[in-house]
N, C-alpha and C. Protein backbone atom coordinates (compact mmCIF):
# COMPACT_ATOMS: atom_id res chain seq x y z
N MET A 1 -6.88 -26.86 -1.23
CA MET A 1 -7.05 -26.50 -2.62
C MET A 1 -5.85 -25.69 -3.08
N THR A 2 -5.34 -26.05 -4.22
CA THR A 2 -4.24 -25.29 -4.78
C THR A 2 -4.61 -24.63 -6.10
N ARG A 3 -5.73 -25.09 -6.67
CA ARG A 3 -6.09 -24.56 -7.98
C ARG A 3 -7.60 -24.71 -8.16
N LEU A 4 -8.21 -23.73 -8.78
CA LEU A 4 -9.63 -23.78 -9.11
C LEU A 4 -9.79 -23.50 -10.60
N GLU A 5 -10.71 -24.20 -11.21
CA GLU A 5 -10.93 -24.02 -12.65
C GLU A 5 -12.42 -24.05 -12.96
N PHE A 6 -12.82 -23.24 -13.93
CA PHE A 6 -14.18 -23.30 -14.48
C PHE A 6 -14.19 -24.35 -15.58
N SER A 7 -15.34 -25.03 -15.72
CA SER A 7 -15.51 -25.92 -16.87
C SER A 7 -15.66 -25.05 -18.12
N ALA A 8 -15.44 -25.68 -19.29
CA ALA A 8 -15.53 -24.94 -20.55
C ALA A 8 -16.90 -24.30 -20.74
N ASP A 9 -17.95 -24.96 -20.23
CA ASP A 9 -19.30 -24.39 -20.39
C ASP A 9 -19.64 -23.39 -19.28
N GLY A 10 -18.75 -23.23 -18.29
CA GLY A 10 -18.95 -22.25 -17.23
C GLY A 10 -19.97 -22.65 -16.19
N ARG A 11 -20.41 -23.93 -16.19
CA ARG A 11 -21.46 -24.34 -15.26
C ARG A 11 -20.92 -25.02 -14.00
N ARG A 12 -19.62 -25.36 -13.99
CA ARG A 12 -19.03 -26.03 -12.84
C ARG A 12 -17.68 -25.40 -12.49
N VAL A 13 -17.30 -25.54 -11.20
CA VAL A 13 -15.97 -25.18 -10.74
C VAL A 13 -15.36 -26.44 -10.14
N LEU A 14 -14.10 -26.69 -10.47
CA LEU A 14 -13.39 -27.86 -9.97
C LEU A 14 -12.24 -27.37 -9.10
N ALA A 15 -12.08 -28.00 -7.93
CA ALA A 15 -10.97 -27.68 -7.04
C ALA A 15 -9.94 -28.80 -7.12
N LEU A 16 -8.67 -28.43 -7.30
CA LEU A 16 -7.57 -29.39 -7.37
C LEU A 16 -6.66 -29.18 -6.17
N GLY A 17 -5.81 -30.17 -5.90
CA GLY A 17 -4.86 -30.06 -4.79
C GLY A 17 -5.44 -30.65 -3.54
N GLY A 18 -5.81 -31.85 -3.61
CA GLY A 18 -6.50 -32.53 -2.54
C GLY A 18 -7.55 -33.39 -3.20
N PRO A 19 -8.53 -33.81 -2.45
CA PRO A 19 -9.58 -34.57 -3.12
C PRO A 19 -10.29 -33.65 -4.12
N TYR A 20 -10.52 -34.17 -5.32
CA TYR A 20 -11.23 -33.38 -6.31
C TYR A 20 -12.63 -33.09 -5.80
N SER A 21 -13.06 -31.89 -6.00
CA SER A 21 -14.43 -31.52 -5.67
C SER A 21 -14.91 -30.59 -6.76
N SER A 22 -16.18 -30.72 -7.09
CA SER A 22 -16.75 -29.81 -8.08
C SER A 22 -18.08 -29.28 -7.57
N TRP A 23 -18.40 -28.08 -8.02
CA TRP A 23 -19.61 -27.39 -7.59
C TRP A 23 -20.37 -26.87 -8.78
N ASP A 24 -21.67 -26.82 -8.62
CA ASP A 24 -22.55 -26.20 -9.60
C ASP A 24 -22.50 -24.69 -9.39
N ILE A 25 -22.23 -23.93 -10.45
CA ILE A 25 -22.10 -22.48 -10.34
C ILE A 25 -23.44 -21.83 -9.97
N GLU A 26 -24.52 -22.30 -10.54
CA GLU A 26 -25.84 -21.70 -10.28
C GLU A 26 -26.27 -21.85 -8.83
N THR A 27 -26.09 -23.06 -8.30
CA THR A 27 -26.62 -23.35 -6.96
C THR A 27 -25.56 -23.27 -5.86
N GLY A 28 -24.28 -23.42 -6.23
CA GLY A 28 -23.22 -23.46 -5.23
C GLY A 28 -23.13 -24.81 -4.54
N GLN A 29 -23.93 -25.75 -4.97
CA GLN A 29 -23.96 -27.08 -4.35
C GLN A 29 -22.88 -27.98 -4.93
N PRO A 30 -22.30 -28.86 -4.07
CA PRO A 30 -21.31 -29.82 -4.57
C PRO A 30 -21.98 -30.78 -5.56
N LEU A 31 -21.21 -31.21 -6.53
CA LEU A 31 -21.70 -32.18 -7.51
C LEU A 31 -21.13 -33.55 -7.18
N PRO A 32 -21.89 -34.60 -7.46
CA PRO A 32 -21.43 -35.93 -7.09
C PRO A 32 -20.22 -36.40 -7.89
N GLU A 33 -20.11 -35.97 -9.16
CA GLU A 33 -18.99 -36.47 -9.97
C GLU A 33 -17.69 -35.77 -9.57
N LYS A 34 -16.65 -36.56 -9.56
CA LYS A 34 -15.32 -36.03 -9.26
C LYS A 34 -14.41 -36.48 -10.39
N PRO A 35 -14.16 -35.58 -11.35
CA PRO A 35 -13.37 -35.98 -12.52
C PRO A 35 -11.95 -36.41 -12.13
N ASP A 36 -11.42 -37.37 -12.90
CA ASP A 36 -10.05 -37.84 -12.65
C ASP A 36 -9.02 -36.84 -13.17
N SER A 37 -9.40 -36.06 -14.15
CA SER A 37 -8.48 -35.07 -14.71
C SER A 37 -9.31 -33.94 -15.30
N LEU A 38 -8.61 -32.88 -15.63
CA LEU A 38 -9.30 -31.74 -16.22
C LEU A 38 -9.59 -32.00 -17.68
N GLU A 39 -10.78 -31.58 -18.10
CA GLU A 39 -11.13 -31.65 -19.51
C GLU A 39 -10.43 -30.51 -20.22
N VAL A 40 -10.35 -30.61 -21.53
CA VAL A 40 -9.82 -29.51 -22.32
C VAL A 40 -10.74 -28.31 -22.12
N GLY A 41 -10.16 -27.15 -21.93
CA GLY A 41 -10.97 -25.94 -21.81
C GLY A 41 -11.20 -25.46 -20.39
N TRP A 42 -10.73 -26.19 -19.39
CA TRP A 42 -10.88 -25.73 -18.01
C TRP A 42 -9.95 -24.54 -17.80
N THR A 43 -10.42 -23.52 -17.13
CA THR A 43 -9.64 -22.29 -16.93
C THR A 43 -10.09 -21.62 -15.63
N PRO A 44 -9.22 -20.82 -14.99
CA PRO A 44 -9.65 -20.10 -13.78
C PRO A 44 -10.59 -18.93 -14.08
N HIS A 45 -10.81 -18.63 -15.36
CA HIS A 45 -11.71 -17.53 -15.75
C HIS A 45 -13.03 -18.09 -16.25
N SER A 46 -14.10 -17.40 -15.91
CA SER A 46 -15.40 -17.79 -16.43
C SER A 46 -15.39 -17.61 -17.95
N PRO A 47 -16.27 -18.32 -18.67
CA PRO A 47 -16.27 -18.21 -20.14
C PRO A 47 -16.42 -16.77 -20.65
N ASP A 48 -17.16 -15.94 -19.93
CA ASP A 48 -17.33 -14.55 -20.38
C ASP A 48 -16.20 -13.63 -19.89
N GLY A 49 -15.24 -14.19 -19.10
CA GLY A 49 -14.10 -13.43 -18.63
C GLY A 49 -14.39 -12.49 -17.47
N ARG A 50 -15.61 -12.48 -16.98
CA ARG A 50 -16.00 -11.54 -15.93
C ARG A 50 -15.56 -11.96 -14.54
N VAL A 51 -15.35 -13.27 -14.32
CA VAL A 51 -15.06 -13.77 -12.99
C VAL A 51 -13.84 -14.69 -13.04
N ARG A 52 -13.03 -14.62 -12.01
CA ARG A 52 -11.90 -15.54 -11.83
C ARG A 52 -12.10 -16.23 -10.49
N VAL A 53 -11.85 -17.54 -10.46
CA VAL A 53 -11.94 -18.28 -9.20
C VAL A 53 -10.54 -18.43 -8.61
N VAL A 54 -10.44 -18.17 -7.30
CA VAL A 54 -9.16 -18.22 -6.61
C VAL A 54 -9.34 -18.96 -5.29
N PRO A 55 -8.47 -19.98 -5.04
CA PRO A 55 -8.56 -20.65 -3.74
C PRO A 55 -7.90 -19.79 -2.67
N TYR A 56 -8.50 -19.74 -1.53
CA TYR A 56 -7.94 -19.00 -0.40
C TYR A 56 -8.25 -19.79 0.85
N ASP A 57 -7.25 -20.49 1.38
CA ASP A 57 -7.44 -21.35 2.53
C ASP A 57 -8.50 -22.40 2.17
N ARG A 58 -9.61 -22.40 2.84
CA ARG A 58 -10.67 -23.36 2.51
C ARG A 58 -11.88 -22.65 1.91
N VAL A 59 -11.62 -21.50 1.32
CA VAL A 59 -12.69 -20.68 0.75
C VAL A 59 -12.45 -20.52 -0.75
N ILE A 60 -13.50 -20.53 -1.51
CA ILE A 60 -13.41 -20.23 -2.93
C ILE A 60 -13.83 -18.78 -3.11
N ARG A 61 -12.93 -17.99 -3.67
CA ARG A 61 -13.26 -16.58 -3.91
C ARG A 61 -13.55 -16.38 -5.38
N LEU A 62 -14.63 -15.68 -5.63
CA LEU A 62 -14.98 -15.29 -6.99
C LEU A 62 -14.62 -13.82 -7.13
N ILE A 63 -13.68 -13.52 -8.00
CA ILE A 63 -13.18 -12.16 -8.14
C ILE A 63 -13.70 -11.57 -9.44
N ASP A 64 -14.40 -10.46 -9.31
CA ASP A 64 -14.94 -9.75 -10.46
C ASP A 64 -13.79 -9.14 -11.25
N GLN A 65 -13.67 -9.50 -12.52
CA GLN A 65 -12.56 -9.04 -13.36
C GLN A 65 -12.92 -7.81 -14.19
N ARG A 66 -14.15 -7.36 -14.09
CA ARG A 66 -14.54 -6.19 -14.88
C ARG A 66 -13.89 -4.94 -14.29
N PRO A 67 -13.63 -3.94 -15.13
CA PRO A 67 -13.10 -2.69 -14.59
C PRO A 67 -14.08 -2.08 -13.60
N PRO A 68 -13.57 -1.43 -12.54
CA PRO A 68 -14.49 -0.84 -11.56
C PRO A 68 -15.28 0.33 -12.15
N SER A 69 -16.45 0.54 -11.59
CA SER A 69 -17.28 1.66 -12.02
C SER A 69 -16.65 2.98 -11.58
N ASP A 70 -17.13 4.08 -12.13
CA ASP A 70 -16.63 5.40 -11.71
C ASP A 70 -16.86 5.62 -10.22
N GLU A 71 -18.00 5.17 -9.73
CA GLU A 71 -18.31 5.30 -8.30
C GLU A 71 -17.31 4.51 -7.45
N GLU A 72 -17.01 3.29 -7.88
CA GLU A 72 -16.04 2.46 -7.16
C GLU A 72 -14.65 3.10 -7.19
N LEU A 73 -14.27 3.65 -8.34
CA LEU A 73 -12.97 4.31 -8.45
C LEU A 73 -12.88 5.50 -7.50
N ARG A 74 -13.93 6.31 -7.43
CA ARG A 74 -13.94 7.46 -6.52
C ARG A 74 -13.82 6.99 -5.07
N TRP A 75 -14.52 5.93 -4.71
CA TRP A 75 -14.45 5.40 -3.35
C TRP A 75 -13.03 4.92 -3.05
N ARG A 76 -12.42 4.18 -3.98
CA ARG A 76 -11.05 3.67 -3.78
C ARG A 76 -10.06 4.82 -3.63
N GLN A 77 -10.21 5.85 -4.47
CA GLN A 77 -9.30 7.00 -4.39
C GLN A 77 -9.45 7.71 -3.05
N GLY A 78 -10.66 7.81 -2.55
CA GLY A 78 -10.88 8.42 -1.25
C GLY A 78 -10.25 7.61 -0.13
N ARG A 79 -10.35 6.30 -0.23
CA ARG A 79 -9.77 5.43 0.80
C ARG A 79 -8.24 5.44 0.74
N ALA A 80 -7.68 5.65 -0.45
CA ALA A 80 -6.23 5.61 -0.61
C ALA A 80 -5.58 6.98 -0.42
N ALA A 81 -6.39 8.01 -0.28
CA ALA A 81 -5.83 9.36 -0.13
C ALA A 81 -5.06 9.49 1.18
N LEU A 82 -4.05 10.32 1.16
CA LEU A 82 -3.25 10.56 2.34
C LEU A 82 -4.10 11.25 3.41
N ASP A 83 -4.04 10.74 4.61
CA ASP A 83 -4.74 11.37 5.74
C ASP A 83 -3.76 12.33 6.40
N ALA A 84 -3.73 13.56 5.88
CA ALA A 84 -2.75 14.56 6.31
C ALA A 84 -2.88 14.89 7.79
N VAL A 85 -4.09 14.95 8.30
CA VAL A 85 -4.28 15.28 9.71
C VAL A 85 -3.65 14.20 10.59
N TRP A 86 -3.90 12.95 10.26
CA TRP A 86 -3.35 11.85 11.04
C TRP A 86 -1.83 11.86 10.97
N HIS A 87 -1.27 12.03 9.77
CA HIS A 87 0.19 12.06 9.64
C HIS A 87 0.80 13.22 10.41
N ALA A 88 0.14 14.36 10.42
CA ALA A 88 0.64 15.52 11.19
C ALA A 88 0.64 15.20 12.69
N GLU A 89 -0.45 14.60 13.16
CA GLU A 89 -0.53 14.23 14.58
C GLU A 89 0.53 13.19 14.94
N GLU A 90 0.72 12.21 14.08
CA GLU A 90 1.72 11.18 14.34
C GLU A 90 3.13 11.76 14.30
N ALA A 91 3.40 12.65 13.36
CA ALA A 91 4.72 13.28 13.30
C ALA A 91 4.98 14.06 14.59
N ASP A 92 3.99 14.82 15.05
CA ASP A 92 4.15 15.57 16.30
C ASP A 92 4.41 14.64 17.47
N ARG A 93 3.63 13.58 17.57
CA ARG A 93 3.75 12.63 18.68
C ARG A 93 5.12 11.97 18.70
N HIS A 94 5.56 11.50 17.55
CA HIS A 94 6.87 10.84 17.48
C HIS A 94 8.01 11.82 17.69
N GLU A 95 7.84 13.04 17.21
CA GLU A 95 8.89 14.05 17.41
C GLU A 95 9.04 14.37 18.89
N ARG A 96 7.90 14.53 19.59
CA ARG A 96 7.94 14.81 21.04
C ARG A 96 8.58 13.65 21.80
N ALA A 97 8.36 12.44 21.34
CA ALA A 97 8.89 11.26 22.02
C ALA A 97 10.33 10.95 21.63
N GLY A 98 10.88 11.75 20.73
CA GLY A 98 12.27 11.54 20.31
C GLY A 98 12.46 10.41 19.32
N ARG A 99 11.39 10.00 18.68
CA ARG A 99 11.49 8.93 17.68
C ARG A 99 11.64 9.58 16.29
N SER A 100 12.88 9.93 15.98
CA SER A 100 13.17 10.70 14.77
C SER A 100 12.82 9.95 13.49
N HIS A 101 13.10 8.65 13.44
CA HIS A 101 12.78 7.90 12.22
C HIS A 101 11.29 7.94 11.92
N ALA A 102 10.48 7.66 12.91
CA ALA A 102 9.03 7.65 12.71
C ALA A 102 8.52 9.04 12.35
N ALA A 103 9.00 10.06 13.07
CA ALA A 103 8.56 11.43 12.78
C ALA A 103 8.95 11.83 11.36
N ALA A 104 10.18 11.49 10.96
CA ALA A 104 10.64 11.83 9.61
C ALA A 104 9.82 11.11 8.55
N SER A 105 9.43 9.89 8.82
CA SER A 105 8.60 9.15 7.88
C SER A 105 7.26 9.85 7.66
N HIS A 106 6.61 10.24 8.74
CA HIS A 106 5.32 10.92 8.62
C HIS A 106 5.47 12.29 7.97
N LEU A 107 6.52 13.02 8.35
CA LEU A 107 6.74 14.34 7.73
C LEU A 107 7.07 14.20 6.25
N GLY A 108 7.80 13.15 5.88
CA GLY A 108 8.11 12.92 4.48
C GLY A 108 6.86 12.77 3.63
N LEU A 109 5.87 12.08 4.17
CA LEU A 109 4.60 11.94 3.44
C LEU A 109 3.85 13.27 3.40
N LEU A 110 3.87 13.99 4.50
CA LEU A 110 3.20 15.29 4.54
C LEU A 110 3.82 16.27 3.56
N VAL A 111 5.15 16.28 3.47
CA VAL A 111 5.84 17.19 2.56
C VAL A 111 5.44 16.92 1.11
N GLN A 112 5.20 15.66 0.78
CA GLN A 112 4.74 15.35 -0.58
C GLN A 112 3.37 15.97 -0.84
N GLU A 113 2.53 15.96 0.16
CA GLU A 113 1.18 16.51 0.03
C GLU A 113 1.18 18.05 0.13
N ARG A 114 2.01 18.58 1.00
CA ARG A 114 2.07 20.02 1.25
C ARG A 114 3.47 20.54 0.91
N ASN A 115 3.85 20.41 -0.34
CA ASN A 115 5.20 20.72 -0.78
C ASN A 115 5.55 22.20 -0.63
N HIS A 116 4.57 23.06 -0.47
CA HIS A 116 4.82 24.51 -0.37
C HIS A 116 4.82 24.99 1.07
N ASP A 117 4.91 24.08 2.04
CA ASP A 117 4.92 24.45 3.45
C ASP A 117 6.37 24.45 3.94
N ALA A 118 6.95 25.65 4.02
CA ALA A 118 8.36 25.79 4.40
C ALA A 118 8.62 25.22 5.79
N THR A 119 7.69 25.40 6.71
CA THR A 119 7.87 24.92 8.08
C THR A 119 8.03 23.39 8.11
N LEU A 120 7.24 22.69 7.31
CA LEU A 120 7.38 21.23 7.25
C LEU A 120 8.75 20.83 6.72
N HIS A 121 9.23 21.54 5.71
CA HIS A 121 10.55 21.24 5.17
C HIS A 121 11.63 21.45 6.22
N VAL A 122 11.51 22.51 7.03
CA VAL A 122 12.50 22.76 8.09
C VAL A 122 12.45 21.65 9.13
N ARG A 123 11.26 21.27 9.56
CA ARG A 123 11.14 20.20 10.56
C ARG A 123 11.75 18.90 10.03
N LEU A 124 11.44 18.59 8.77
CA LEU A 124 11.98 17.36 8.19
C LEU A 124 13.50 17.46 8.05
N ALA A 125 14.00 18.61 7.65
CA ALA A 125 15.46 18.79 7.54
C ALA A 125 16.13 18.59 8.89
N ARG A 126 15.54 19.12 9.95
CA ARG A 126 16.12 18.96 11.30
C ARG A 126 16.18 17.49 11.69
N LEU A 127 15.08 16.77 11.43
CA LEU A 127 15.05 15.34 11.78
C LEU A 127 16.05 14.55 10.94
N LEU A 128 16.15 14.88 9.67
CA LEU A 128 17.10 14.18 8.81
C LEU A 128 18.54 14.45 9.25
N THR A 129 18.80 15.63 9.77
CA THR A 129 20.13 15.94 10.31
C THR A 129 20.41 15.04 11.51
N LEU A 130 19.43 14.89 12.39
CA LEU A 130 19.60 14.01 13.55
C LEU A 130 19.86 12.56 13.13
N LEU A 131 19.27 12.19 12.01
CA LEU A 131 19.42 10.82 11.50
C LEU A 131 20.68 10.67 10.63
N LYS A 132 21.46 11.76 10.53
CA LYS A 132 22.69 11.79 9.75
C LYS A 132 22.43 11.52 8.27
N ARG A 133 21.29 11.97 7.80
CA ARG A 133 20.94 11.90 6.38
C ARG A 133 21.08 13.32 5.83
N ASN A 134 22.32 13.78 5.84
CA ASN A 134 22.61 15.19 5.59
C ASN A 134 22.26 15.65 4.18
N ASP A 135 22.47 14.82 3.17
CA ASP A 135 22.13 15.24 1.80
C ASP A 135 20.64 15.55 1.70
N GLN A 136 19.82 14.68 2.28
CA GLN A 136 18.37 14.92 2.26
C GLN A 136 18.01 16.13 3.11
N ALA A 137 18.70 16.29 4.24
CA ALA A 137 18.43 17.44 5.11
C ALA A 137 18.70 18.75 4.38
N VAL A 138 19.81 18.80 3.67
CA VAL A 138 20.16 20.03 2.93
C VAL A 138 19.11 20.30 1.85
N ARG A 139 18.67 19.28 1.17
CA ARG A 139 17.66 19.46 0.12
C ARG A 139 16.38 20.08 0.69
N HIS A 140 15.93 19.60 1.84
CA HIS A 140 14.71 20.14 2.44
C HIS A 140 14.95 21.53 3.03
N ALA A 141 16.13 21.78 3.57
CA ALA A 141 16.45 23.11 4.08
C ALA A 141 16.46 24.12 2.95
N MET A 142 17.06 23.75 1.82
CA MET A 142 17.09 24.66 0.66
C MET A 142 15.69 24.91 0.13
N ARG A 143 14.87 23.87 0.11
CA ARG A 143 13.48 24.05 -0.35
C ARG A 143 12.76 25.03 0.57
N ALA A 144 12.96 24.90 1.88
CA ALA A 144 12.33 25.81 2.84
C ALA A 144 12.77 27.25 2.59
N LEU A 145 14.05 27.45 2.35
CA LEU A 145 14.56 28.79 2.08
C LEU A 145 14.03 29.37 0.77
N LEU A 146 13.87 28.52 -0.21
CA LEU A 146 13.29 28.99 -1.48
C LEU A 146 11.82 29.40 -1.30
N LEU A 147 11.14 28.70 -0.44
CA LEU A 147 9.73 29.01 -0.19
C LEU A 147 9.58 30.25 0.68
N ASP A 148 10.48 30.42 1.65
CA ASP A 148 10.40 31.53 2.60
C ASP A 148 11.81 31.93 3.00
N SER A 149 12.31 32.98 2.39
CA SER A 149 13.71 33.38 2.62
C SER A 149 13.95 33.87 4.04
N LYS A 150 12.89 34.14 4.81
CA LYS A 150 13.05 34.63 6.18
C LYS A 150 12.88 33.53 7.23
N ILE A 151 12.66 32.30 6.78
CA ILE A 151 12.42 31.21 7.73
C ILE A 151 13.71 30.92 8.50
N GLU A 152 13.55 30.57 9.76
CA GLU A 152 14.69 30.28 10.62
C GLU A 152 15.03 28.80 10.55
N LEU A 153 16.28 28.53 10.20
CA LEU A 153 16.75 27.14 10.12
C LEU A 153 17.54 26.81 11.37
N LYS A 154 17.13 25.77 12.07
CA LYS A 154 17.87 25.27 13.24
C LYS A 154 18.12 23.80 12.98
N LEU A 155 19.21 23.54 12.28
CA LEU A 155 19.47 22.17 11.86
C LEU A 155 20.57 21.50 12.64
N MET A 156 21.20 22.21 13.53
CA MET A 156 22.30 21.61 14.28
C MET A 156 21.78 20.50 15.18
N ALA A 157 22.53 19.42 15.19
CA ALA A 157 22.19 18.31 16.07
C ALA A 157 22.61 18.66 17.49
N PRO A 158 21.98 18.08 18.48
CA PRO A 158 22.37 18.33 19.87
C PRO A 158 23.83 17.99 20.10
N PRO A 159 24.48 18.66 21.07
CA PRO A 159 25.89 18.39 21.36
C PRO A 159 26.13 16.91 21.61
N GLY A 160 27.26 16.44 21.10
CA GLY A 160 27.64 15.04 21.33
C GLY A 160 27.06 14.06 20.33
N THR A 161 26.18 14.54 19.43
CA THR A 161 25.59 13.60 18.46
C THR A 161 26.26 13.71 17.11
N MET A 162 27.06 14.74 16.90
CA MET A 162 27.74 14.91 15.62
C MET A 162 29.15 14.31 15.73
N PRO A 163 29.66 13.74 14.64
CA PRO A 163 31.02 13.22 14.67
C PRO A 163 32.01 14.38 14.79
N PRO A 164 33.17 14.14 15.36
CA PRO A 164 34.16 15.22 15.49
C PRO A 164 34.61 15.72 14.12
N ALA A 165 34.95 17.00 14.05
CA ALA A 165 35.43 17.60 12.81
C ALA A 165 36.80 17.05 12.51
N PRO A 166 37.10 16.84 11.20
CA PRO A 166 38.43 16.33 10.83
C PRO A 166 39.49 17.37 11.14
N ASP A 167 40.71 16.92 11.45
CA ASP A 167 41.84 17.83 11.76
C ASP A 167 42.42 18.44 10.52
């Protein structure tokens, strides 16, 4: 199936892109007639606009087009919220294993959530220095200092990882 359409009266769905097949919307049962072409008014949206039919592999999906309820929106927002505990654990794990890119990625998300945590900014700045992303490292180091003027910055990369100084 490459395309699905509702009949103008909303009582049938027609599948195109292969042998034509049509189904009764009320019963879900296949209908014996197989039209040679689409009638005027066939559309992927139900007549009331509430449902859209979409082919997916060998499955017909009916997608509710109405705006989600407040309850549904709250559930979606909860599911999409940043899991700060998990990101903190992953940042720690990757940092211990020496995987600076992964640790920096997790810390970057945490810093967005906890923008007033100077320690996170310092950790991220240190990792960005290791990754030679110095402009970003300086930005996070400065943010850490603005948040806590007494915080200790240790941003130097280990010996042998920095390019030689110009003459």
